[in-house]
Amino acid sequence: MLKVSGISAFYGRIQVLKNIGLEVAEGSIVTILGANGAGKTTTMKTISGLLKPQQGSIEFQGEEVKGLRPDQLLRKGIALVPEGRQILSGMTVLENLEMGAYHRKDNEIDRDIKAIMGRFPILEERQKQLGGTLSGGQQQMLAIARAILSKPKLLLLDEPSMGLAPLVVADIFKIIKEINEAGTTVLLVEQNARQALRISDYGYVLETGKIVAEGSAHELLNDPRIMEAYLGRKSS
């Protein structure tokens, strides 16, 4: 579904991504692992059109999409839930959800909002509440729900568990798995490497802007080097 080849990206004169290449198969969950500053968020920004790469190719469903704006990519089926959630804090929960479907022209938006509220009961309960007054976990659910309402084929999730309590984190990963099982392909950037790999099919490890390892999620979970560097568990 997604093929990224030879991508290099800069912030000013500083090169952040160095010849990045990765693939996301349709129907899969793929995780990008790496320490802070490795280039994970920059990779997501580049794929979603927020940052233009200096070179390389980004193909989505066989079409070259490098250089397209985020709104153009959204219409093609790529939706980003950014790091820090970035909901519209001065708008209600319902208004945030409606904004997720702003580009749609079909007659099923109301039905889909009702379905989303069925999946996220807390959002239905608090639909008239301002987004900025929700807890961190509720805001993350709102950000994911808003993205789903754009009817994406590929959902990009940047650090969805950041700053959340362990029980809420478990709920978020369960939701991600359910979204995938319902037919949406997922590319995930996540510091919680162990939980991310447990729900993923494949993974990439990013260091200082380069892919240094890749493999099935099972392989990465059982790689002593990966365990020590990213899972907080030393090999014996």
C-alpha atoms as a PDB file:
ATOM      1  CA  MET A   1       0.000   0.000   0.000  1.00  0.00           C
ATOM      2  CA  LEU A   2       2.747   2.452   1.003  1.00  0.00           C
ATOM      3  CA  LYS A   3       6.295   2.395  -0.318  1.00  0.00           C
ATOM      4  CA  VAL A   4       8.857   4.934   0.847  1.00  0.00           C
ATOM      5  CA  SER A   5      12.160   4.854  -1.058  1.00  0.00           C
ATOM      6  CA  GLY A   6      15.366   6.827  -0.561  1.00  0.00           C
ATOM      7  CA  ILE A   7      13.782   9.667   1.401  1.00  0.00           C
ATOM      8  CA  SER A   8      16.047  12.389   2.752  1.00  0.00           C
ATOM      9  CA  ALA A   9      14.643  15.352   4.665  1.00  0.00           C
ATOM     10  CA  PHE A  10      16.101  18.446   6.298  1.00  0.00           C
ATOM     11  CA  TYR A  11      15.198  21.059   8.872  1.00  0.00           C
ATOM     12  CA  GLY A  12      17.075  24.007   7.455  1.00  0.00           C
ATOM     13  CA  ARG A  13      20.602  22.747   6.876  1.00  0.00           C
ATOM     14  CA  ILE A  14      20.282  19.854   9.317  1.00  0.00           C
ATOM     15  CA  GLN A  15      19.620  16.496   7.665  1.00  0.00           C
ATOM     16  CA  VAL A  16      17.151  14.524   9.760  1.00  0.00           C
ATOM     17  CA  LEU A  17      16.277  11.613   7.445  1.00  0.00           C
ATOM     18  CA  LYS A  18      18.997   9.826   5.500  1.00  0.00           C
ATOM     19  CA  ASN A  19      17.876   7.625   2.628  1.00  0.00           C
ATOM     20  CA  ILE A  20      14.876   6.164   4.487  1.00  0.00           C
ATOM     21  CA  GLY A  21      13.054   3.218   2.934  1.00  0.00           C
ATOM     22  CA  LEU A  22      10.074   1.295   4.271  1.00  0.00           C
ATOM     23  CA  GLU A  23       6.929  -0.475   3.127  1.00  0.00           C
ATOM     24  CA  VAL A  24       3.498  -0.944   4.645  1.00  0.00           C
ATOM     25  CA  ALA A  25       1.422  -3.802   3.273  1.00  0.00           C
ATOM     26  CA  GLU A  26      -2.326  -3.353   2.966  1.00  0.00           C
ATOM     27  CA  GLY A  27      -4.177  -4.600   6.032  1.00  0.00           C
ATOM     28  CA  SER A  28      -1.100  -4.633   8.272  1.00  0.00           C
ATOM     29  CA  ILE A  29       0.136  -2.770  11.329  1.00  0.00           C
ATOM     30  CA  VAL A  30       3.727  -1.583  10.945  1.00  0.00           C
ATOM     31  CA  THR A  31       5.666   0.031  13.795  1.00  0.00           C
ATOM     32  CA  ILE A  32       8.630   2.402  13.647  1.00  0.00           C
ATOM     33  CA  LEU A  33      10.811   2.208  16.757  1.00  0.00           C
ATOM     34  CA  GLY A  34      13.606   4.497  17.865  1.00  0.00           C
ATOM     35  CA  ALA A  35      14.918   6.724  20.615  1.00  0.00           C
ATOM     36  CA  ASN A  36      14.022  10.385  20.968  1.00  0.00           C
ATOM     37  CA  GLY A  37      15.555  12.352  18.120  1.00  0.00           C
ATOM     38  CA  ALA A  38      15.873   9.335  15.825  1.00  0.00           C
ATOM     39  CA  GLY A  39      13.627  10.908  13.177  1.00  0.00           C
ATOM     40  CA  LYS A  40      10.381   9.028  13.800  1.00  0.00           C
ATOM     41  CA  THR A  41       8.089  12.066  13.865  1.00  0.00           C
ATOM     42  CA  THR A  42       9.929  13.582  10.902  1.00  0.00           C
ATOM     43  CA  THR A  43       9.219  10.385   8.971  1.00  0.00           C
ATOM     44  CA  MET A  44       5.506  10.705   9.731  1.00  0.00           C
ATOM     45  CA  LYS A  45       5.487  14.397   8.822  1.00  0.00           C
ATOM     46  CA  THR A  46       7.161  13.603   5.511  1.00  0.00           C
ATOM     47  CA  ILE A  47       4.724  10.813   4.625  1.00  0.00           C
ATOM     48  CA  SER A  48       1.725  12.968   5.573  1.00  0.00           C
ATOM     49  CA  GLY A  49       2.870  15.967   3.537  1.00  0.00           C
ATOM     50  CA  LEU A  50       3.764  18.298   6.416  1.00  0.00           C
ATOM     51  CA  LEU A  51       7.433  18.230   5.409  1.00  0.00           C
ATOM     52  CA  LYS A  52       8.710  18.010   1.845  1.00  0.00           C
ATOM     53  CA  PRO A  53      11.646  15.629   1.349  1.00  0.00           C
ATOM     54  CA  GLN A  54      14.689  16.745  -0.600  1.00  0.00           C
ATOM     55  CA  GLN A  55      14.851  13.475  -2.507  1.00  0.00           C
ATOM     56  CA  GLY A  56      13.293  10.057  -2.793  1.00  0.00           C
ATOM     57  CA  SER A  57       9.867   8.642  -3.552  1.00  0.00           C
ATOM     58  CA  ILE A  58       6.630   8.114  -1.632  1.00  0.00           C
ATOM     59  CA  GLU A  59       4.154   5.828  -3.374  1.00  0.00           C
ATOM     60  CA  PHE A  60       0.646   5.226  -2.086  1.00  0.00           C
ATOM     61  CA  GLN A  61      -1.360   2.496  -3.806  1.00  0.00           C
ATOM     62  CA  GLY A  62       1.046   2.661  -6.744  1.00  0.00           C
ATOM     63  CA  GLU A  63       0.804   6.448  -7.170  1.00  0.00           C
ATOM     64  CA  GLU A  64       3.636   8.879  -6.498  1.00  0.00           C
ATOM     65  CA  VAL A  65       2.403  11.264  -3.778  1.00  0.00           C
ATOM     66  CA  LYS A  66       5.611  12.989  -2.676  1.00  0.00           C
ATOM     67  CA  GLY A  67       5.053  16.735  -2.556  1.00  0.00           C
ATOM     68  CA  LEU A  68       1.289  16.617  -2.147  1.00  0.00           C
ATOM     69  CA  ARG A  69      -0.265  18.747   0.587  1.00  0.00           C
ATOM     70  CA  PRO A  70      -1.753  17.098   3.698  1.00  0.00           C
ATOM     71  CA  ASP A  71      -5.303  17.880   2.559  1.00  0.00           C
ATOM     72  CA  GLN A  72      -4.628  16.267  -0.823  1.00  0.00           C
ATOM     73  CA  LEU A  73      -3.233  13.165   0.872  1.00  0.00           C
ATOM     74  CA  LEU A  74      -6.241  13.058   3.201  1.00  0.00           C
ATOM     75  CA  ARG A  75      -8.545  12.910   0.198  1.00  0.00           C
ATOM     76  CA  LYS A  76      -6.489  10.029  -1.150  1.00  0.00           C
ATOM     77  CA  GLY A  77      -6.899   8.155   2.135  1.00  0.00           C
ATOM     78  CA  ILE A  78      -3.913   9.024   4.356  1.00  0.00           C
ATOM     79  CA  ALA A  79      -4.819  10.426   7.789  1.00  0.00           C
ATOM     80  CA  LEU A  80      -2.392  11.479  10.523  1.00  0.00           C
ATOM     81  CA  VAL A  81      -2.987  11.520  14.274  1.00  0.00           C
ATOM     82  CA  PRO A  82      -0.037  13.741  15.249  1.00  0.00           C
ATOM     83  CA  GLU A  83       2.145  13.608  18.318  1.00  0.00           C
ATOM     84  CA  GLY A  84       0.478  15.560  21.114  1.00  0.00           C
ATOM     85  CA  ARG A  85      -3.010  14.834  19.697  1.00  0.00           C
ATOM     86  CA  GLN A  86      -3.621  18.462  18.579  1.00  0.00           C
ATOM     87  CA  ILE A  87      -7.383  18.373  18.937  1.00  0.00           C
ATOM     88  CA  LEU A  88      -9.379  21.593  18.565  1.00  0.00           C
ATOM     89  CA  SER A  89      -9.519  22.438  22.259  1.00  0.00           C
ATOM     90  CA  GLY A  90     -11.985  25.321  21.913  1.00  0.00           C
ATOM     91  CA  MET A  91     -14.529  23.211  20.041  1.00  0.00           C
ATOM     92  CA  THR A  92     -16.833  20.550  21.424  1.00  0.00           C
ATOM     93  CA  VAL A  93     -16.209  16.847  21.060  1.00  0.00           C
ATOM     94  CA  LEU A  94     -18.959  16.647  18.442  1.00  0.00           C
ATOM     95  CA  GLU A  95     -17.522  19.590  16.494  1.00  0.00           C
ATOM     96  CA  ASN A  96     -14.092  17.936  16.527  1.00  0.00           C
ATOM     97  CA  LEU A  97     -15.625  14.776  15.080  1.00  0.00           C
ATOM     98  CA  GLU A  98     -17.464  16.745  12.408  1.00  0.00           C
ATOM     99  CA  MET A  99     -14.184  18.403  11.425  1.00  0.00           C
ATOM    100  CA  GLY A 100     -12.750  14.944  10.801  1.00  0.00           C
ATOM    101  CA  ALA A 101     -15.245  14.520   7.978  1.00  0.00           C
ATOM    102  CA  TYR A 102     -15.004  18.074   6.600  1.00  0.00           C
ATOM    103  CA  HIS A 103     -13.788  16.947   3.165  1.00  0.00           C
ATOM    104  CA  ARG A 104     -16.385  14.220   2.669  1.00  0.00           C
ATOM    105  CA  LYS A 105     -19.256  14.693   0.242  1.00  0.00           C
ATOM    106  CA  ASP A 106     -21.271  11.550   1.025  1.00  0.00           C
ATOM    107  CA  ASN A 107     -24.491  11.262   3.011  1.00  0.00           C
ATOM    108  CA  GLU A 108     -23.174   8.858   5.651  1.00  0.00           C
ATOM    109  CA  ILE A 109     -21.383  11.290   7.969  1.00  0.00           C
ATOM    110  CA  ASP A 110     -24.091  11.359  10.656  1.00  0.00           C
ATOM    111  CA  ARG A 111     -24.296   7.573  10.593  1.00  0.00           C
ATOM    112  CA  ASP A 112     -20.517   7.274  10.927  1.00  0.00           C
ATOM    113  CA  ILE A 113     -20.413   9.741  13.828  1.00  0.00           C
ATOM    114  CA  LYS A 114     -23.027   7.645  15.643  1.00  0.00           C
ATOM    115  CA  ALA A 115     -20.991   4.524  14.942  1.00  0.00           C
ATOM    116  CA  ILE A 116     -17.827   6.188  16.269  1.00  0.00           C
ATOM    117  CA  MET A 117     -19.631   7.215  19.436  1.00  0.00           C
ATOM    118  CA  GLY A 118     -20.730   3.618  19.834  1.00  0.00           C
ATOM    119  CA  ARG A 119     -17.084   2.554  19.687  1.00  0.00           C
ATOM    120  CA  PHE A 120     -16.019   5.383  22.044  1.00  0.00           C
ATOM    121  CA  PRO A 121     -18.858   5.712  24.584  1.00  0.00           C
ATOM    122  CA  ILE A 122     -17.019   8.397  26.563  1.00  0.00           C
ATOM    123  CA  LEU A 123     -17.117  10.640  23.491  1.00  0.00           C
ATOM    124  CA  GLU A 124     -20.866  10.223  23.186  1.00  0.00           C
ATOM    125  CA  GLU A 125     -21.241  10.985  26.885  1.00  0.00           C
ATOM    126  CA  ARG A 126     -19.146  14.149  26.527  1.00  0.00           C
ATOM    127  CA  GLN A 127     -20.082  15.226  23.010  1.00  0.00           C
ATOM    128  CA  LYS A 128     -21.068  18.733  24.146  1.00  0.00           C
ATOM    129  CA  GLN A 129     -17.941  19.197  26.270  1.00  0.00           C
ATOM    130  CA  LEU A 130     -15.026  21.279  24.983  1.00  0.00           C
ATOM    131  CA  GLY A 131     -12.206  19.103  23.719  1.00  0.00           C
ATOM    132  CA  GLY A 132      -9.639  20.936  25.830  1.00  0.00           C
ATOM    133  CA  THR A 133     -11.386  19.888  29.053  1.00  0.00           C
ATOM    134  CA  LEU A 134     -11.023  16.151  28.364  1.00  0.00           C
ATOM    135  CA  SER A 135      -8.364  14.023  30.038  1.00  0.00           C
ATOM    136  CA  GLY A 136      -5.265  13.069  28.061  1.00  0.00           C
ATOM    137  CA  GLY A 137      -6.615   9.607  27.281  1.00  0.00           C
ATOM    138  CA  GLN A 138      -9.984  10.980  26.203  1.00  0.00           C
ATOM    139  CA  GLN A 139      -8.265  13.531  23.967  1.00  0.00           C
ATOM    140  CA  GLN A 140      -6.267  10.729  22.343  1.00  0.00           C
ATOM    141  CA  MET A 141      -9.463   8.780  21.712  1.00  0.00           C
ATOM    142  CA  LEU A 142     -10.995  11.923  20.206  1.00  0.00           C
ATOM    143  CA  ALA A 143      -7.974  12.459  17.952  1.00  0.00           C
ATOM    144  CA  ILE A 144      -8.148   8.864  16.708  1.00  0.00           C
ATOM    145  CA  ALA A 145     -11.931   9.019  16.255  1.00  0.00           C
ATOM    146  CA  ARG A 146     -11.637  12.284  14.323  1.00  0.00           C
ATOM    147  CA  ALA A 147      -9.094  10.704  11.983  1.00  0.00           C
ATOM    148  CA  ILE A 148     -11.280   7.628  11.446  1.00  0.00           C
ATOM    149  CA  LEU A 149     -14.137   9.872  10.322  1.00  0.00           C
ATOM    150  CA  SER A 150     -12.056  10.899   7.333  1.00  0.00           C
ATOM    151  CA  LYS A 151     -12.429   7.226   6.246  1.00  0.00           C
ATOM    152  CA  PRO A 152      -8.691   6.634   5.813  1.00  0.00           C
ATOM    153  CA  LYS A 153      -7.166   3.691   4.037  1.00  0.00           C
ATOM    154  CA  LEU A 154      -3.895   4.310   5.901  1.00  0.00           C
ATOM    155  CA  LEU A 155      -3.865   5.691   9.445  1.00  0.00           C
ATOM    156  CA  LEU A 156      -0.627   7.246  10.699  1.00  0.00           C
ATOM    157  CA  LEU A 157      -0.355   7.291  14.502  1.00  0.00           C
ATOM    158  CA  ASP A 158       2.486   9.279  16.053  1.00  0.00           C
ATOM    159  CA  GLU A 159       3.152   8.331  19.709  1.00  0.00           C
ATOM    160  CA  PRO A 160      -0.491   7.596  20.637  1.00  0.00           C
ATOM    161  CA  SER A 161       0.387   6.393  24.159  1.00  0.00           C
ATOM    162  CA  MET A 162       2.623   9.315  25.124  1.00  0.00           C
ATOM    163  CA  GLY A 163       1.891  10.680  28.590  1.00  0.00           C
ATOM    164  CA  LEU A 164      -0.975   8.305  29.297  1.00  0.00           C
ATOM    165  CA  ALA A 165      -1.564   6.088  32.326  1.00  0.00           C
ATOM    166  CA  PRO A 166      -0.864   2.354  31.839  1.00  0.00           C
ATOM    167  CA  LEU A 167      -4.543   1.335  31.879  1.00  0.00           C
ATOM    168  CA  VAL A 168      -5.368   3.997  29.286  1.00  0.00           C
ATOM    169  CA  VAL A 169      -2.407   2.864  27.175  1.00  0.00           C
ATOM    170  CA  ALA A 170      -3.826  -0.658  27.131  1.00  0.00           C
ATOM    171  CA  ASP A 171      -7.170   0.728  25.910  1.00  0.00           C
ATOM    172  CA  ILE A 172      -5.460   2.737  23.156  1.00  0.00           C
ATOM    173  CA  PHE A 173      -3.591  -0.315  21.830  1.00  0.00           C
ATOM    174  CA  LYS A 174      -6.801  -2.343  21.921  1.00  0.00           C
ATOM    175  CA  ILE A 175      -8.529   0.372  19.886  1.00  0.00           C
ATOM    176  CA  ILE A 176      -5.675   0.428  17.343  1.00  0.00           C
ATOM    177  CA  LYS A 177      -5.962  -3.336  16.899  1.00  0.00           C
ATOM    178  CA  GLU A 178      -9.739  -3.093  16.447  1.00  0.00           C
ATOM    179  CA  ILE A 179      -9.350  -0.327  13.860  1.00  0.00           C
ATOM    180  CA  ASN A 180      -6.932  -2.516  11.924  1.00  0.00           C
ATOM    181  CA  GLU A 181      -9.199  -5.561  12.138  1.00  0.00           C
ATOM    182  CA  ALA A 182     -12.024  -3.412  10.748  1.00  0.00           C
ATOM    183  CA  GLY A 183      -9.957  -2.859   7.593  1.00  0.00           C
ATOM    184  CA  THR A 184      -7.697   0.153   8.131  1.00  0.00           C
ATOM    185  CA  THR A 185      -3.950  -0.206   7.556  1.00  0.00           C
ATOM    186  CA  VAL A 186      -1.845   1.366  10.325  1.00  0.00           C
ATOM    187  CA  LEU A 187       1.643   2.874  10.472  1.00  0.00           C
ATOM    188  CA  LEU A 188       2.580   3.439  14.096  1.00  0.00           C
ATOM    189  CA  VAL A 189       5.377   5.409  15.759  1.00  0.00           C
ATOM    190  CA  GLU A 190       5.617   4.443  19.403  1.00  0.00           C
ATOM    191  CA  GLN A 191       7.997   4.666  22.368  1.00  0.00           C
ATOM    192  CA  ASN A 192       6.211   1.759  24.058  1.00  0.00           C
ATOM    193  CA  ALA A 193       8.054  -0.730  21.896  1.00  0.00           C
ATOM    194  CA  ARG A 194       6.901  -3.924  23.547  1.00  0.00           C
ATOM    195  CA  GLN A 195       3.174  -3.183  23.321  1.00  0.00           C
ATOM    196  CA  ALA A 196       3.508  -1.771  19.823  1.00  0.00           C
ATOM    197  CA  LEU A 197       5.260  -4.881  18.532  1.00  0.00           C
ATOM    198  CA  ARG A 198       2.714  -7.153  20.197  1.00  0.00           C
ATOM    199  CA  ILE A 199      -0.047  -5.782  17.946  1.00  0.00           C
ATOM    200  CA  SER A 200       2.127  -5.280  14.855  1.00  0.00           C
ATOM    201  CA  ASP A 201       2.988  -7.415  11.858  1.00  0.00           C
ATOM    202  CA  TYR A 202       6.292  -5.776  10.981  1.00  0.00           C
ATOM    203  CA  GLY A 203       8.707  -3.219  12.413  1.00  0.00           C
ATOM    204  CA  TYR A 204      11.546  -0.880  11.549  1.00  0.00           C
ATOM    205  CA  VAL A 205      14.195   0.535  13.876  1.00  0.00           C
ATOM    206  CA  LEU A 206      15.341   4.093  13.246  1.00  0.00           C
ATOM    207  CA  GLU A 207      18.588   5.587  14.567  1.00  0.00           C
ATOM    208  CA  THR A 208      19.844   9.089  13.775  1.00  0.00           C
ATOM    209  CA  GLY A 209      17.722   9.278  10.652  1.00  0.00           C
ATOM    210  CA  LYS A 210      18.609   5.844   9.266  1.00  0.00           C
ATOM    211  CA  ILE A 211      16.845   2.472   9.237  1.00  0.00           C
ATOM    212  CA  VAL A 212      19.241   0.194  11.115  1.00  0.00           C
ATOM    213  CA  ALA A 213      17.072  -2.911  11.525  1.00  0.00           C
ATOM    214  CA  GLU A 214      13.782  -4.352  10.318  1.00  0.00           C
ATOM    215  CA  GLY A 215      11.852  -7.566  10.543  1.00  0.00           C
ATOM    216  CA  SER A 216       8.633  -9.193  11.616  1.00  0.00           C
ATOM    217  CA  ALA A 217       7.307  -7.997  14.953  1.00  0.00           C
ATOM    218  CA  HIS A 218       8.039 -11.437  16.394  1.00  0.00           C
ATOM    219  CA  GLU A 219      11.651 -11.292  15.210  1.00  0.00           C
ATOM    220  CA  LEU A 220      12.215  -7.851  16.700  1.00  0.00           C
ATOM    221  CA  LEU A 221      10.656  -8.855  20.025  1.00  0.00           C
ATOM    222  CA  ASN A 222      13.079 -11.750  20.208  1.00  0.00           C
ATOM    223  CA  ASP A 223      16.189  -9.915  19.013  1.00  0.00           C
ATOM    224  CA  PRO A 224      18.527  -9.447  22.036  1.00  0.00           C
ATOM    225  CA  ARG A 225      19.917  -6.184  20.647  1.00  0.00           C
ATOM    226  CA  ILE A 226      16.465  -4.720  20.147  1.00  0.00           C
ATOM    227  CA  MET A 227      15.339  -5.923  23.566  1.00  0.00           C
ATOM    228  CA  GLU A 228      18.250  -4.227  25.289  1.00  0.00           C
ATOM    229  CA  ALA A 229      18.101  -0.972  23.329  1.00  0.00           C
ATOM    230  CA  TYR A 230      14.341  -0.419  23.087  1.00  0.00           C
ATOM    231  CA  LEU A 231      12.480  -2.826  25.313  1.00  0.00           C
ATOM    232  CA  GLY A 232      14.432  -2.214  28.504  1.00  0.00           C
ATOM    233  CA  ARG A 233      15.403  -5.843  28.915  1.00  0.00           C
ATOM    234  CA  LYS A 234      18.985  -7.069  28.698  1.00  0.00           C
ATOM    235  CA  SER A 235      19.824 -10.254  26.883  1.00  0.00           C
ATOM    236  CA  SER A 236      21.188 -13.143  28.954  1.00  0.00           C
END
